[in-house]
Amino acid sequence: GEAAEEFMGDHPDVTVELNLAASSTLREQILAGAPSDVFASANASNMDQVVETGAATDPQDFVTNQLQIVVPAENPGGVAGLDDFADADLLIGLCAEEVPCGEFGREALANAQVTPSVDTNEPDVRALLTKVEAGELDAGIVYITDVLAAGDAVEGIDIPADVNVTATYPIAALSDAGHAEVAAAFVEFVLSDDGQEILESYGFDSP
């Protein structure tokens, strides 16, 4: 949102409308013909499917992100790490397998040789985070940026680097963009030093 506001400040004749959802949902909307100018995905595979249809070309990586365990404030379940995701007595949530946070979360658990006891598969990060914030779940796996954004409502527990997964986010202007020049300018802004500085302030890393 802050990036969009700054871009509009530099282009006062432009209005940026953000459609925020799971990358797989956005991919399906684009392939179904929904009017869009730019696609930013939380993983490469959803972008690849858009590129394969010719709906986008020349995607560029614009940030990376890391996974983190998220628990409610004060960690009532006493979760210490990924091993606890196998505990059937805890309420465990993951993102659904078809969305990036679900894909990456399962990859990290597999890397740690943990078979999770999953109580719910949520459609996106926001839905999973909301249940953790409300204390409906003892733990989930989201991105570090989500934990930071949730503030005092949750706590983050680091995943060891040797099993964690780095998510790389690509962005591209769409081939049928109704505002092609502005779309290209927005992508350029996101990749610029100013755009990167905004994203890094929310916990993202440069690619």
Foldseek 3Di string as FASTA:
>chain_A
DVLQVVLCVVVVVDHDDDDDFFLQVVLVCVVVPNADWKHKHQAVVSVVVCVVVVFFDDWDWQWKWWKWKKAFFPLVVPDAALQCQQPLVFAEEEADCVGVRRVQVVQLSVLVVHDGPYDYHHPDPVVVVVCRLVVVGSIYMDTPLVQLVVPNRIDTHGHDPSRIDMTIMIMTTTPPHPCNVVSVVSVVSCNDPVNSVVVVVSPIHGD
